[in-house]
């Protein structure tokens, strides 16, 4: 995996990923309000339209719900659903690339896991 492969990921999907990880890590719990589009755009230095698209993907997947005039909230069941979804992305897209890189660089499992011989 190189920096170039990260750059190939559209910005709105990177933002969606940030929000998904924040939900998984517990920064936002089910029922919590997410930052407004403008606030998240300012915090990430991105265009509000791009943030809106990221939020829309989370809404389309049922991970967030909109309360008109109030904001976006983490949906019930979002934590577990996101874990399942992110696990699939890791196992099917990220891990195969990482595994190939590990093989190309001749990294053994002990080195990878941080168990360096004394």
C-alpha atoms as a PDB file:
ATOM      1  CA  UNK A   1       0.000   0.000   0.000  1.00  0.00           C
ATOM      2  CA  UNK A   2       1.482   3.327  -0.977  1.00  0.00           C
ATOM      3  CA  UNK A   3       0.504   6.922  -0.421  1.00  0.00           C
ATOM      4  CA  UNK A   4      -0.706   6.958  -4.017  1.00  0.00           C
ATOM      5  CA  UNK A   5      -3.264   4.239  -3.274  1.00  0.00           C
ATOM      6  CA  UNK A   6      -4.636   6.329  -0.376  1.00  0.00           C
ATOM      7  CA  UNK A   7      -4.873   9.349  -2.686  1.00  0.00           C
ATOM      8  CA  UNK A   8      -7.026   7.306  -5.063  1.00  0.00           C
ATOM      9  CA  UNK A   9      -9.781   7.148  -2.427  1.00  0.00           C
ATOM     10  CA  UNK A  10     -12.310   9.958  -2.988  1.00  0.00           C
ATOM     11  CA  UNK A  11     -12.303  12.592  -0.234  1.00  0.00           C
ATOM     12  CA  UNK A  12     -15.935  11.961   0.714  1.00  0.00           C
ATOM     13  CA  UNK A  13     -15.132   8.284   1.350  1.00  0.00           C
ATOM     14  CA  UNK A  14     -12.117   9.234   3.464  1.00  0.00           C
ATOM     15  CA  UNK A  15     -14.375  11.527   5.511  1.00  0.00           C
ATOM     16  CA  UNK A  16     -16.959   8.758   5.813  1.00  0.00           C
ATOM     17  CA  UNK A  17     -14.174   6.495   7.048  1.00  0.00           C
ATOM     18  CA  UNK A  18     -13.136   9.027   9.691  1.00  0.00           C
ATOM     19  CA  UNK A  19     -16.713   9.221  10.972  1.00  0.00           C
ATOM     20  CA  UNK A  20     -17.112   5.434  10.904  1.00  0.00           C
ATOM     21  CA  UNK A  21     -13.943   4.966  12.962  1.00  0.00           C
ATOM     22  CA  UNK A  22     -15.031   7.673  15.415  1.00  0.00           C
ATOM     23  CA  UNK A  23     -18.331   5.819  15.915  1.00  0.00           C
ATOM     24  CA  UNK A  24     -16.542   2.461  16.267  1.00  0.00           C
ATOM     25  CA  UNK A  25     -14.056   3.941  18.754  1.00  0.00           C
ATOM     26  CA  UNK A  26     -16.891   5.446  20.809  1.00  0.00           C
ATOM     27  CA  UNK A  27     -16.314   9.145  20.178  1.00  0.00           C
ATOM     28  CA  UNK A  28     -19.917   9.214  18.961  1.00  0.00           C
ATOM     29  CA  UNK A  29     -22.285   6.714  20.529  1.00  0.00           C
ATOM     30  CA  UNK A  30     -25.667   5.574  19.245  1.00  0.00           C
ATOM     31  CA  UNK A  31     -28.067   8.481  19.684  1.00  0.00           C
ATOM     32  CA  UNK A  32     -25.296  11.101  19.781  1.00  0.00           C
ATOM     33  CA  UNK A  33     -25.460  14.080  17.477  1.00  0.00           C
ATOM     34  CA  UNK A  34     -22.725  14.327  14.859  1.00  0.00           C
ATOM     35  CA  UNK A  35     -21.044  17.656  14.137  1.00  0.00           C
ATOM     36  CA  UNK A  36     -22.869  19.856  11.665  1.00  0.00           C
ATOM     37  CA  UNK A  37     -21.725  19.679   8.049  1.00  0.00           C
ATOM     38  CA  UNK A  38     -20.123  23.114   8.394  1.00  0.00           C
ATOM     39  CA  UNK A  39     -18.375  22.252  11.662  1.00  0.00           C
ATOM     40  CA  UNK A  40     -16.987  18.965  10.305  1.00  0.00           C
ATOM     41  CA  UNK A  41     -15.910  20.699   7.084  1.00  0.00           C
ATOM     42  CA  UNK A  42     -14.071  23.356   9.101  1.00  0.00           C
ATOM     43  CA  UNK A  43     -12.451  20.733  11.355  1.00  0.00           C
ATOM     44  CA  UNK A  44     -11.236  18.681   8.389  1.00  0.00           C
ATOM     45  CA  UNK A  45     -10.442  21.548   6.031  1.00  0.00           C
ATOM     46  CA  UNK A  46     -12.810  20.196   3.404  1.00  0.00           C
ATOM     47  CA  UNK A  47     -15.682  21.510   1.331  1.00  0.00           C
ATOM     48  CA  UNK A  48     -19.109  21.354   3.037  1.00  0.00           C
ATOM     49  CA  UNK A  49     -20.586  19.716  -0.094  1.00  0.00           C
ATOM     50  CA  UNK A  50     -18.008  16.927   0.221  1.00  0.00           C
ATOM     51  CA  UNK A  51     -18.888  16.484   3.896  1.00  0.00           C
ATOM     52  CA  UNK A  52     -22.591  16.417   3.007  1.00  0.00           C
ATOM     53  CA  UNK A  53     -21.881  13.613   0.530  1.00  0.00           C
ATOM     54  CA  UNK A  54     -20.003  11.644   3.233  1.00  0.00           C
ATOM     55  CA  UNK A  55     -22.918  12.107   5.643  1.00  0.00           C
ATOM     56  CA  UNK A  56     -25.342  11.047   2.917  1.00  0.00           C
ATOM     57  CA  UNK A  57     -23.503   7.737   2.423  1.00  0.00           C
ATOM     58  CA  UNK A  58     -23.778   7.054   6.159  1.00  0.00           C
ATOM     59  CA  UNK A  59     -27.466   7.952   6.036  1.00  0.00           C
ATOM     60  CA  UNK A  60     -28.046   5.775   2.951  1.00  0.00           C
ATOM     61  CA  UNK A  61     -26.453   2.841   4.796  1.00  0.00           C
ATOM     62  CA  UNK A  62     -28.689   3.450   7.830  1.00  0.00           C
ATOM     63  CA  UNK A  63     -25.830   4.416  10.172  1.00  0.00           C
ATOM     64  CA  UNK A  64     -27.099   7.943  10.822  1.00  0.00           C
ATOM     65  CA  UNK A  65     -30.554   9.455  10.994  1.00  0.00           C
ATOM     66  CA  UNK A  66     -31.616  13.035  10.292  1.00  0.00           C
ATOM     67  CA  UNK A  67     -33.850  14.978  12.619  1.00  0.00           C
ATOM     68  CA  UNK A  68     -35.032  17.875  10.492  1.00  0.00           C
ATOM     69  CA  UNK A  69     -33.954  21.218  11.840  1.00  0.00           C
ATOM     70  CA  UNK A  70     -31.843  19.554  14.534  1.00  0.00           C
ATOM     71  CA  UNK A  71     -29.053  17.563  12.861  1.00  0.00           C
ATOM     72  CA  UNK A  72     -27.644  14.125  12.196  1.00  0.00           C
ATOM     73  CA  UNK A  73     -27.525  11.465  14.876  1.00  0.00           C
ATOM     74  CA  UNK A  74     -25.863   8.055  15.146  1.00  0.00           C
ATOM     75  CA  UNK A  75     -28.577   5.491  14.446  1.00  0.00           C
ATOM     76  CA  UNK A  76     -29.453   2.604  16.753  1.00  0.00           C
ATOM     77  CA  UNK A  77     -27.432  -0.442  15.708  1.00  0.00           C
ATOM     78  CA  UNK A  78     -24.864   1.672  13.860  1.00  0.00           C
ATOM     79  CA  UNK A  79     -21.903   0.524  15.950  1.00  0.00           C
ATOM     80  CA  UNK A  80     -22.360  -3.171  15.195  1.00  0.00           C
ATOM     81  CA  UNK A  81     -23.320  -2.569  11.568  1.00  0.00           C
ATOM     82  CA  UNK A  82     -20.249  -0.379  11.016  1.00  0.00           C
ATOM     83  CA  UNK A  83     -17.976  -2.960  12.626  1.00  0.00           C
ATOM     84  CA  UNK A  84     -19.314  -5.607  10.254  1.00  0.00           C
ATOM     85  CA  UNK A  85     -19.013  -3.290   7.241  1.00  0.00           C
ATOM     86  CA  UNK A  86     -15.520  -2.031   8.114  1.00  0.00           C
ATOM     87  CA  UNK A  87     -14.348  -5.586   8.843  1.00  0.00           C
ATOM     88  CA  UNK A  88     -15.464  -6.639   5.356  1.00  0.00           C
ATOM     89  CA  UNK A  89     -13.644  -3.683   3.788  1.00  0.00           C
ATOM     90  CA  UNK A  90     -10.486  -4.583   5.712  1.00  0.00           C
ATOM     91  CA  UNK A  91     -10.589  -8.295   4.908  1.00  0.00           C
ATOM     92  CA  UNK A  92     -11.533  -7.923   1.243  1.00  0.00           C
ATOM     93  CA  UNK A  93      -9.760  -4.724   0.163  1.00  0.00           C
ATOM     94  CA  UNK A  94      -7.090  -3.619   2.616  1.00  0.00           C
ATOM     95  CA  UNK A  95      -5.654  -6.897   3.934  1.00  0.00           C
ATOM     96  CA  UNK A  96      -4.946  -8.452   0.505  1.00  0.00           C
ATOM     97  CA  UNK A  97      -2.877  -5.377  -0.448  1.00  0.00           C
ATOM     98  CA  UNK A  98      -1.096  -5.403   2.907  1.00  0.00           C
ATOM     99  CA  UNK A  99      -0.446  -9.144   2.655  1.00  0.00           C
ATOM    100  CA  UNK A 100       1.127  -8.693  -0.786  1.00  0.00           C
ATOM    101  CA  UNK A 101       3.331  -5.899   0.542  1.00  0.00           C
ATOM    102  CA  UNK A 102       4.377  -8.017   3.545  1.00  0.00           C
ATOM    103  CA  UNK A 103       5.328 -10.842   1.174  1.00  0.00           C
ATOM    104  CA  UNK A 104       7.235  -8.520  -1.197  1.00  0.00           C
ATOM    105  CA  UNK A 105       9.224  -7.042   1.686  1.00  0.00           C
ATOM    106  CA  UNK A 106       9.934 -10.457   3.274  1.00  0.00           C
ATOM    107  CA  UNK A 107       8.518  -9.402   6.636  1.00  0.00           C
ATOM    108  CA  UNK A 108       8.055 -12.373   8.947  1.00  0.00           C
ATOM    109  CA  UNK A 109       5.104 -12.686  11.327  1.00  0.00           C
ATOM    110  CA  UNK A 110       7.182 -12.152  14.501  1.00  0.00           C
ATOM    111  CA  UNK A 111       8.637  -8.932  13.103  1.00  0.00           C
ATOM    112  CA  UNK A 112       5.193  -7.816  12.024  1.00  0.00           C
ATOM    113  CA  UNK A 113       3.704  -8.475  15.439  1.00  0.00           C
ATOM    114  CA  UNK A 114       6.523  -6.589  17.160  1.00  0.00           C
ATOM    115  CA  UNK A 115       8.258  -9.585  18.743  1.00  0.00           C
ATOM    116  CA  UNK A 116      11.844  -8.851  17.836  1.00  0.00           C
ATOM    117  CA  UNK A 117      14.400 -11.520  18.757  1.00  0.00           C
ATOM    118  CA  UNK A 118      16.607 -10.452  21.690  1.00  0.00           C
END
